[in-house]
Amino acid sequence: MNKKYAYIRAAIAFTIGILSILAFCGLFYPLKIFDLQLTALIQRLLVDFSLTAELLLLALFLISLIFGRIYCSTLCPFGLFQEFLMLLFRRKNRPQKNYPYKYFIAAIVFGALLGGSIFLARLIDPYTLSGSAASGIWLGIGITLAVAVLVWFKGRFFCSNICPVGVLFGLVSKHARNKIYIDSDKCVSCGLCASRCPTGSINVKNHFVDNETCIKCFKCLGACHKNSIHYGKPPAPEVRFSPARRRLLLGGAVIAAFALAAKSGLELSKNIASKIKKVILPAGTRNPVDFANRCLNCNLCVQNCPMKILKKANEDYPAVHIDYSESFCDYNCNKCAEICPSGAIKRLSLAEKQKTQIGLALIDESSCIKCGLCVMKCPRTAISKEDGAFPRVDTNICIGCSACQTACPVKAIKISAVDQQKTL
C-alpha cells in the first residue's frame, strides 16, 4: 500500500520531466506546465496582474497545504534533474540539518523581485536555472554543475537548504494536513528509511520526520520492513523544541532582510535601466528597461521560436531580444507570448500582436534599387511605391516585423527599435 504513493509520484515526475526536456529543446510544448513554476507565477502577478496566475498560485499553495511539499518532487524541472543525478550516483543519504540561513536567501531573492529586479532570481531560481542550462548559457551550466557536485556529497541539499522556492513551499508543508510520520511503537531504528531520503529529513533516533524539508518522494515508505513509517494525517501533533523567542528573532530578521532586499531591488532595477541600449523586443514587452528587469532568461521563448529570431542575453542586453540578421517575425505567430510563463512577454492574442509596433522600417534610398519586393512582402501593406519612385513606409501602420528587410536583395532596409511599444 505504501509503495502506491511512490509509484504515482514517480509516474507524474517522469511525465513532467519528459515534457520539460522537450519544451526546453524547442521540440514539443503543448501543455503550459511551466505556468506552474512559482517564481514565474509571482512575476506574472507583479508584471501584469492575471486572475489565472492568482488562481494557479493559490492552487499550488493549497495543494502543498493538503499533500505537503510535492511540488519539488513532481513539478520542478531542476528538482527532477537532481533526482536523476541521485539515481545515477547511487550515494547513501545522510541526515541533514535545517539551516536558518535559507530563510534569508528566500527573503532577499523575493524581496528584490518585489522591488522590481529579477537579477537575483536568475542566479538561484530552479526553473530559471533549468532553462538557462538547457539552452547552453554558461552561467546556468556552471551553477548546475556546482549543484551536481552538491548532490554527490549532500543529496538534495539545494532543495532543502538553499532554494528560495523550496523555502516557501516548506513553510506551508510544515503545516500540511498530510505528512510523513513514524510510528515509534513499531520502529526499530534500522535507518533504512533515512538511507532512502534524498533531503535527509528523517531523524531515526528521535523517530522524527522534518516535513518542512521533506519533498514527498515517498521513497522511505517502501523501504520500511516494519510498516512503521506512514503518509497521512499524524495521530498526534508533532512536538519539537523551538523556543518562541528564537522564532520571533529569526522572523524579525528575515522580515528586515526582505524589506532591505525590496529597496535594493528597486535601486538595482534603476542601475540596470541606466545601462540599457536600444533593442528590438518581442511584442508585449512594453520597453527595454522594463523587460530587462522582468525577463527570467529561462530562454523557453528562444528555444521555441519558429523563426529563430529570438536571441539569448548578451553583453549588449541582459535579457532575451530580437535579432533580424537572418530572418523576420512571422506575422501569424505569437508563440513567445503564448509560452512565456512569467508575463515578461504579455500574453497578447494574435490579433493584438499583429497591431503592436515593436520597430520601424527605414529605407536607405542611396542603396535602394526600387525593385518593390518590400511592398509585396509587407503583411500590413505599410509600404507603398509609385512607378519609378522609392518605396515609402507608413509609420502609422508599420510594426517592424522585418519581412521587408529580409526580402530586400540589397540590404537597403533596416528595422530601428522603438522606445516604447504601442498598439496601432
Protein backbone atom coordinates (compact mmCIF):
# COMPACT_ATOMS: atom_id res chain seq x y z
CA MET A 1 0.00 0.00 0.00
CA ASN A 2 2.78 2.41 0.95
CA LYS A 3 4.57 1.91 -2.37
CA LYS A 4 1.48 3.16 -4.21
CA TYR A 5 2.33 6.78 -3.37
CA ALA A 6 5.88 6.36 -4.65
CA TYR A 7 4.68 4.86 -7.94
CA ILE A 8 2.11 7.61 -8.55
CA ARG A 9 4.63 10.33 -7.73
CA ALA A 10 7.28 8.72 -9.96
CA ALA A 11 4.84 8.47 -12.88
CA ILE A 12 3.91 12.16 -12.61
CA ALA A 13 7.56 13.20 -12.21
CA PHE A 14 8.63 11.13 -15.22
CA THR A 15 5.91 12.67 -17.40
CA ILE A 16 6.76 16.22 -16.31
CA GLY A 17 10.46 15.51 -16.80
CA ILE A 18 9.99 14.33 -20.38
CA LEU A 19 7.72 17.28 -21.22
CA SER A 20 10.25 19.69 -19.68
CA ILE A 21 13.10 18.30 -21.77
CA LEU A 22 11.04 18.51 -24.96
CA ALA A 23 9.93 22.06 -24.15
CA PHE A 24 13.42 23.35 -23.32
CA CYS A 25 14.74 21.76 -26.52
CA GLY A 26 12.03 23.50 -28.54
CA LEU A 27 10.57 20.22 -29.76
CA PHE A 28 7.17 19.93 -28.11
CA TYR A 29 5.27 22.26 -25.82
CA PRO A 30 1.52 21.68 -26.00
CA LEU A 31 0.92 21.92 -22.25
CA LYS A 32 1.58 25.02 -20.15
CA ILE A 33 3.46 23.01 -17.50
CA PHE A 34 5.82 25.92 -16.82
CA ASP A 35 2.87 28.10 -15.85
CA LEU A 36 3.04 26.17 -12.57
CA GLN A 37 6.54 27.41 -11.69
CA LEU A 38 6.34 29.52 -8.53
CA THR A 39 8.71 32.39 -9.37
CA ALA A 40 7.19 32.74 -12.83
CA LEU A 41 3.69 32.91 -11.32
CA ILE A 42 4.73 35.57 -8.80
CA GLN A 43 6.35 37.54 -11.60
CA ARG A 44 3.18 37.36 -13.70
CA LEU A 45 1.20 38.83 -10.82
CA LEU A 46 3.72 41.66 -10.37
CA VAL A 47 4.14 42.47 -14.07
CA ASP A 48 0.62 42.17 -15.33
CA PHE A 49 -1.96 41.06 -12.77
CA SER A 50 -3.57 37.88 -14.01
CA LEU A 51 -6.54 36.16 -12.42
CA THR A 52 -5.36 32.88 -13.91
CA ALA A 53 -1.91 33.32 -12.33
CA GLU A 54 -3.51 34.17 -8.99
CA LEU A 55 -5.69 31.06 -9.06
CA LEU A 56 -2.76 28.84 -10.07
CA LEU A 57 -0.61 30.29 -7.29
CA LEU A 58 -3.34 29.70 -4.72
CA ALA A 59 -3.82 26.19 -6.08
CA LEU A 60 -0.12 25.38 -5.62
CA PHE A 61 -0.14 26.52 -2.01
CA LEU A 62 -3.44 24.75 -1.35
CA ILE A 63 -2.04 21.51 -2.75
CA SER A 64 1.02 21.93 -0.53
CA LEU A 65 -1.20 22.61 2.47
CA ILE A 66 -3.09 19.38 1.84
CA PHE A 67 -0.47 16.98 0.50
CA GLY A 68 2.82 18.54 1.60
CA ARG A 69 5.78 19.64 -0.47
CA ILE A 70 5.10 17.53 -3.56
CA TYR A 71 5.90 20.44 -5.91
CA CYS A 72 9.63 19.84 -5.51
CA SER A 73 9.40 16.14 -6.37
CA THR A 74 6.92 16.32 -9.25
CA LEU A 75 6.72 19.76 -10.93
CA CYS A 76 10.16 21.37 -10.58
CA PRO A 77 12.47 20.64 -13.56
CA PHE A 78 15.59 21.39 -11.51
CA GLY A 79 14.38 19.09 -8.75
CA LEU A 80 13.78 16.31 -11.25
CA PHE A 81 17.28 16.85 -12.64
CA GLN A 82 18.71 16.37 -9.15
CA GLU A 83 16.64 13.22 -8.69
CA PHE A 84 18.11 11.83 -11.90
CA LEU A 85 21.59 12.55 -10.52
CA MET A 86 20.68 10.79 -7.28
CA LEU A 87 19.75 7.67 -9.23
CA LEU A 88 22.93 7.98 -11.27
CA PHE A 89 25.26 8.50 -8.31
CA ARG A 90 23.63 5.90 -6.02
CA ARG A 91 25.00 7.70 -2.98
CA LYS A 92 23.88 6.77 0.53
CA ASN A 93 21.86 9.59 2.05
CA ARG A 94 22.69 11.06 5.41
CA PRO A 95 20.68 13.22 7.85
CA GLN A 96 20.92 16.96 7.16
CA LYS A 97 20.35 20.00 9.29
CA ASN A 98 17.66 22.56 8.62
CA TYR A 99 19.79 25.70 8.38
CA PRO A 100 18.08 29.05 9.13
CA TYR A 101 20.11 30.99 6.53
CA LYS A 102 17.82 29.63 3.82
CA TYR A 103 15.04 31.94 5.06
CA PHE A 104 17.30 34.93 4.43
CA ILE A 105 18.12 33.68 0.93
CA ALA A 106 14.40 33.45 0.13
CA ALA A 107 13.71 36.85 1.69
CA ILE A 108 16.47 38.53 -0.33
CA VAL A 109 15.50 36.89 -3.65
CA PHE A 110 11.78 37.53 -3.38
CA GLY A 111 12.34 40.93 -1.81
CA ALA A 112 14.43 42.03 -4.79
CA LEU A 113 11.78 40.57 -7.09
CA LEU A 114 9.10 42.64 -5.39
CA GLY A 115 11.38 45.67 -5.62
CA GLY A 116 11.46 45.32 -9.40
CA SER A 117 14.61 43.33 -10.20
CA ILE A 118 14.74 39.74 -11.41
CA PHE A 119 18.56 39.66 -11.32
CA LEU A 120 18.97 37.57 -8.14
CA ALA A 121 16.25 35.11 -9.16
CA ARG A 122 18.13 34.43 -12.39
CA LEU A 123 21.03 33.11 -10.32
CA ILE A 124 19.14 30.77 -7.99
CA ASP A 125 15.55 30.17 -9.10
CA PRO A 126 15.27 26.45 -10.00
CA TYR A 127 13.08 26.93 -13.07
CA THR A 128 15.32 29.67 -14.47
CA LEU A 129 18.46 27.60 -13.87
CA SER A 130 16.85 24.69 -15.73
CA GLY A 131 16.12 26.82 -18.79
CA SER A 132 19.45 28.61 -18.65
CA ALA A 133 21.46 25.39 -18.53
CA ALA A 134 19.29 23.62 -21.13
CA SER A 135 19.75 26.48 -23.59
CA GLY A 136 23.53 26.50 -23.23
CA ILE A 137 24.09 29.61 -21.09
CA TRP A 138 27.47 29.24 -19.40
CA LEU A 139 26.36 30.77 -16.12
CA GLY A 140 23.42 28.36 -15.89
CA ILE A 141 25.63 25.43 -16.83
CA GLY A 142 28.22 26.45 -14.22
CA ILE A 143 25.68 26.75 -11.40
CA THR A 144 24.05 23.48 -12.45
CA LEU A 145 27.41 21.70 -12.34
CA ALA A 146 28.03 23.12 -8.86
CA VAL A 147 24.65 21.77 -7.74
CA ALA A 148 25.55 18.39 -9.29
CA VAL A 149 28.67 18.29 -7.10
CA LEU A 150 26.49 19.20 -4.12
CA VAL A 151 24.17 16.30 -4.97
CA TRP A 152 27.15 13.94 -4.97
CA PHE A 153 28.13 14.90 -1.44
CA LYS A 154 24.87 16.07 0.15
CA GLY A 155 21.93 14.72 -1.86
CA ARG A 156 19.22 17.30 -2.48
CA PHE A 157 20.79 19.84 -0.15
CA PHE A 158 19.98 22.60 -2.64
CA CYS A 159 16.28 21.82 -2.32
CA SER A 160 16.26 21.61 1.46
CA ASN A 161 18.59 24.46 2.40
CA ILE A 162 19.22 26.84 -0.50
CA CYS A 163 16.32 27.02 -2.96
CA PRO A 164 14.05 30.04 -2.23
CA VAL A 165 11.08 28.32 -3.87
CA GLY A 166 11.60 25.30 -1.65
CA VAL A 167 11.65 27.53 1.42
CA LEU A 168 8.18 28.91 0.69
CA PHE A 169 6.68 25.51 0.00
CA GLY A 170 8.48 24.10 3.02
CA LEU A 171 6.91 26.64 5.36
CA VAL A 172 3.48 25.74 4.01
CA SER A 173 4.14 21.99 4.08
CA LYS A 174 5.24 22.21 7.68
CA HIS A 175 1.55 22.71 8.50
CA ALA A 176 0.16 20.37 5.83
CA ARG A 177 -2.73 18.08 6.66
CA ASN A 178 -0.93 15.00 5.33
CA LYS A 179 2.62 14.33 6.48
CA ILE A 180 5.23 11.62 6.62
CA TYR A 181 5.42 10.35 10.19
CA ILE A 182 6.95 7.45 12.13
CA ASP A 183 5.09 5.06 14.42
CA SER A 184 7.60 4.89 17.27
CA ASP A 185 5.97 1.74 18.68
CA LYS A 186 6.83 -0.23 15.54
CA CYS A 187 10.08 1.47 14.52
CA VAL A 188 13.27 -0.50 15.28
CA SER A 189 15.57 2.40 14.26
CA CYS A 190 17.21 0.40 11.47
CA GLY A 191 17.77 3.53 9.41
CA LEU A 192 16.55 2.13 6.08
CA CYS A 193 14.05 4.96 5.64
CA ALA A 194 16.71 7.59 6.35
CA SER A 195 19.07 6.00 3.83
CA ARG A 196 16.44 6.48 1.11
CA CYS A 197 15.61 10.10 1.99
CA PRO A 198 17.25 12.49 -0.54
CA THR A 199 16.84 15.56 1.70
CA GLY A 200 17.98 13.98 4.98
CA SER A 201 14.65 14.80 6.59
CA ILE A 202 14.37 11.67 8.75
CA ASN A 203 15.84 11.51 12.25
CA VAL A 204 15.67 7.81 13.11
CA LYS A 205 16.98 8.24 16.64
CA ASN A 206 14.16 10.58 17.61
CA HIS A 207 11.56 8.99 15.30
CA PHE A 208 11.02 12.37 13.66
CA VAL A 209 10.42 13.46 10.07
CA ASP A 210 11.03 17.12 9.19
CA ASN A 211 8.07 17.75 6.88
CA GLU A 212 9.39 21.23 6.10
CA THR A 213 12.32 19.82 4.14
CA CYS A 214 10.62 16.55 3.12
CA ILE A 215 9.79 16.72 -0.60
CA LYS A 216 7.30 13.82 -0.53
CA CYS A 217 9.16 11.49 -2.84
CA PHE A 218 7.73 8.62 -0.73
CA LYS A 219 10.86 6.50 -1.15
CA CYS A 220 11.02 5.97 2.60
CA LEU A 221 7.60 4.32 2.70
CA GLY A 222 8.65 1.35 0.62
CA ALA A 223 11.95 0.95 2.45
CA CYS A 224 10.47 0.16 5.88
CA HIS A 225 10.07 -3.59 6.56
CA LYS A 226 8.11 -2.97 9.77
CA ASN A 227 5.49 -0.70 8.20
CA SER A 228 6.31 1.92 10.81
CA ILE A 229 6.55 4.96 8.53
CA HIS A 230 3.34 6.37 7.09
CA TYR A 231 1.88 9.16 4.98
CA GLY A 232 -1.34 10.83 6.07
CA LYS A 233 -2.71 12.77 9.00
CA PRO A 234 -0.49 12.13 12.05
CA PRO A 235 -2.34 10.67 15.05
CA ALA A 236 -0.99 13.43 17.30
CA PRO A 237 0.65 16.84 16.72
CA GLU A 238 4.39 16.71 16.25
CA VAL A 239 6.30 18.38 19.07
CA ARG A 240 9.75 19.85 18.64
CA PHE A 241 11.77 22.12 20.88
CA SER A 242 11.76 25.55 19.29
CA PRO A 243 11.82 28.49 21.73
CA ALA A 244 9.31 31.18 20.86
CA ARG A 245 11.89 33.95 21.43
CA ARG A 246 14.27 32.38 18.91
CA ARG A 247 11.50 32.06 16.32
CA LEU A 248 10.47 35.67 16.92
CA LEU A 249 14.01 36.99 16.48
CA LEU A 250 14.56 34.90 13.35
CA GLY A 251 11.24 36.02 11.86
CA GLY A 252 12.02 39.68 12.57
CA ALA A 253 15.46 39.38 10.98
CA VAL A 254 14.02 37.71 7.88
CA ILE A 255 11.36 40.44 7.52
CA ALA A 256 14.08 43.10 7.80
CA ALA A 257 16.14 41.31 5.13
CA PHE A 258 13.08 41.16 2.88
CA ALA A 259 12.43 44.90 3.25
CA LEU A 260 16.08 45.75 2.61
CA ALA A 261 16.14 43.48 -0.45
CA ALA A 262 12.99 45.13 -1.83
CA LYS A 263 14.66 48.52 -1.57
CA SER A 264 17.86 47.14 -3.08
CA GLY A 265 15.84 45.58 -5.91
CA LEU A 266 14.45 48.99 -6.76
CA GLU A 267 17.95 50.50 -6.84
CA LEU A 268 19.26 47.57 -8.87
CA SER A 269 16.50 47.96 -11.44
CA LYS A 270 17.36 51.65 -11.78
CA ASN A 271 21.04 50.82 -12.21
CA ILE A 272 20.23 48.28 -14.94
CA ALA A 273 17.93 50.81 -16.62
CA SER A 274 20.73 53.36 -16.89
CA LYS A 275 22.82 50.93 -18.97
CA ILE A 276 20.13 49.75 -21.39
CA LYS A 277 20.69 50.34 -25.10
CA LYS A 278 18.03 50.43 -27.78
CA VAL A 279 16.97 46.94 -28.74
CA ILE A 280 14.08 45.29 -30.57
CA LEU A 281 11.93 43.09 -28.34
CA PRO A 282 9.01 40.68 -28.83
CA ALA A 283 5.53 42.18 -28.91
CA GLY A 284 4.11 42.58 -25.43
CA THR A 285 7.33 43.53 -23.64
CA ARG A 286 6.50 47.25 -23.32
CA ASN A 287 10.01 48.72 -23.29
CA PRO A 288 13.66 47.59 -22.95
CA VAL A 289 14.09 48.84 -19.37
CA ASP A 290 11.01 47.08 -18.01
CA PHE A 291 11.77 43.86 -19.85
CA ALA A 292 15.39 43.75 -18.71
CA ASN A 293 14.18 43.79 -15.11
CA ARG A 294 11.40 41.25 -15.65
CA CYS A 295 12.65 38.55 -18.04
CA LEU A 296 13.69 35.38 -16.19
CA ASN A 297 16.06 34.42 -19.02
CA CYS A 298 14.71 30.88 -18.97
CA ASN A 299 15.04 31.04 -22.79
CA LEU A 300 11.89 29.00 -23.34
CA CYS A 301 10.82 31.51 -26.00
CA VAL A 302 14.25 31.36 -27.63
CA GLN A 303 14.16 27.59 -27.91
CA ASN A 304 10.60 27.54 -29.26
CA CYS A 305 10.71 30.49 -31.70
CA PRO A 306 9.89 29.02 -35.14
CA MET A 307 11.74 31.82 -36.97
CA LYS A 308 14.80 31.66 -34.67
CA ILE A 309 14.97 35.44 -34.32
CA LEU A 310 14.89 35.47 -30.51
CA LYS A 311 18.37 35.52 -29.01
CA LYS A 312 19.74 34.99 -25.53
CA ALA A 313 21.05 37.72 -23.26
CA ASN A 314 24.48 39.06 -24.18
CA GLU A 315 26.87 41.88 -23.29
CA ASP A 316 24.68 44.41 -25.10
CA TYR A 317 21.36 43.49 -23.47
CA PRO A 318 20.79 41.42 -20.30
CA ALA A 319 17.64 39.63 -21.47
CA VAL A 320 16.07 37.91 -24.47
CA HIS A 321 15.88 40.13 -27.57
CA ILE A 322 15.28 40.04 -31.34
CA ASP A 323 17.97 39.72 -33.99
CA TYR A 324 16.72 40.26 -37.55
CA SER A 325 20.04 39.49 -39.24
CA GLU A 326 18.86 36.15 -40.61
CA SER A 327 15.07 36.13 -40.53
CA PHE A 328 11.91 38.05 -39.63
CA CYS A 329 8.99 37.83 -37.20
CA ASP A 330 6.18 35.75 -38.69
CA TYR A 331 3.09 37.95 -38.82
CA ASN A 332 0.86 34.97 -37.98
CA CYS A 333 2.86 33.75 -35.00
CA ASN A 334 2.60 34.72 -31.33
CA LYS A 335 4.36 31.68 -29.88
CA CYS A 336 6.57 33.64 -27.49
CA ALA A 337 3.56 35.36 -25.93
CA GLU A 338 1.77 32.03 -25.56
CA ILE A 339 4.56 30.23 -23.72
CA CYS A 340 6.22 32.90 -21.56
CA PRO A 341 5.36 31.75 -18.01
CA SER A 342 6.43 34.91 -16.18
CA GLY A 343 4.37 37.53 -18.04
CA ALA A 344 7.53 39.39 -19.06
CA ILE A 345 6.14 38.88 -22.56
CA LYS A 346 2.49 39.78 -22.18
CA ARG A 347 0.05 37.19 -23.44
CA LEU A 348 -1.22 39.07 -26.44
CA SER A 349 -3.68 37.40 -28.78
CA LEU A 350 -2.54 37.00 -32.38
CA ALA A 351 -4.73 39.94 -33.41
CA GLU A 352 -3.18 42.14 -30.70
CA LYS A 353 0.32 41.06 -31.61
CA GLN A 354 -0.30 41.93 -35.26
CA LYS A 355 -1.08 45.53 -34.24
CA THR A 356 1.81 46.00 -31.81
CA GLN A 357 4.63 48.18 -33.08
CA ILE A 358 8.00 46.81 -31.95
CA GLY A 359 10.12 48.70 -34.50
CA LEU A 360 10.06 50.80 -37.64
CA ALA A 361 11.36 50.08 -41.13
CA LEU A 362 13.81 52.66 -42.53
CA ILE A 363 14.71 52.71 -46.22
CA ASP A 364 18.15 53.84 -47.37
CA GLU A 365 17.46 55.48 -50.73
CA SER A 366 21.15 55.53 -51.59
CA SER A 367 21.11 51.72 -51.69
CA CYS A 368 17.53 51.03 -52.80
CA ILE A 369 17.10 49.72 -56.35
CA LYS A 370 13.32 50.32 -56.41
CA CYS A 371 12.55 46.64 -57.04
CA GLY A 372 9.36 46.73 -54.98
CA LEU A 373 9.91 43.40 -53.19
CA CYS A 374 9.40 45.10 -49.84
CA VAL A 375 5.96 46.25 -50.95
CA MET A 376 4.94 42.72 -51.87
CA LYS A 377 6.31 41.14 -48.67
CA CYS A 378 4.85 43.58 -46.12
CA PRO A 379 1.96 41.76 -44.33
CA ARG A 380 0.33 45.04 -43.30
CA THR A 381 0.67 46.92 -46.60
CA ALA A 382 2.64 49.54 -44.68
CA ILE A 383 4.97 50.13 -47.67
CA SER A 384 3.78 51.75 -50.86
CA LYS A 385 5.57 52.64 -54.09
CA GLU A 386 4.69 54.67 -57.14
CA ASP A 387 6.19 53.87 -60.52
CA GLY A 388 9.82 54.95 -60.68
CA ALA A 389 9.79 56.22 -57.08
CA PHE A 390 11.38 54.97 -53.92
CA PRO A 391 9.20 52.94 -51.54
CA ARG A 392 7.56 54.85 -48.66
CA VAL A 393 6.88 53.49 -45.16
CA ASP A 394 3.69 54.45 -43.33
CA THR A 395 4.82 54.72 -39.70
CA ASN A 396 1.22 54.52 -38.53
CA ILE A 397 0.91 51.01 -39.94
CA CYS A 398 4.43 49.51 -39.83
CA ILE A 399 5.02 47.19 -36.84
CA GLY A 400 8.69 46.42 -37.50
CA CYS A 401 8.35 42.72 -38.31
CA SER A 402 11.32 42.85 -40.74
CA ALA A 403 9.61 40.93 -43.55
CA CYS A 404 10.69 43.77 -45.83
CA GLN A 405 14.27 43.82 -44.54
CA THR A 406 14.64 40.09 -45.11
CA ALA A 407 13.21 40.35 -48.64
CA CYS A 408 15.38 43.28 -49.74
CA PRO A 409 18.12 41.95 -52.07
CA VAL A 410 20.48 44.89 -51.47
CA LYS A 411 20.00 45.32 -47.71
CA ALA A 412 18.60 48.81 -48.16
CA ILE A 413 16.08 48.41 -45.32
CA LYS A 414 16.85 48.38 -41.60
CA ILE A 415 14.49 48.00 -38.66
CA SER A 416 15.02 50.53 -35.91
CA ALA A 417 13.95 49.96 -32.31
CA VAL A 418 11.21 51.98 -30.63
CA ASP A 419 11.49 53.41 -27.13
CA GLN A 420 8.04 52.19 -26.15
CA GLN A 421 5.91 49.58 -27.88
CA LYS A 422 2.42 50.71 -28.80
CA THR A 423 -0.76 49.31 -30.32
CA LEU A 424 -1.56 50.77 -33.73
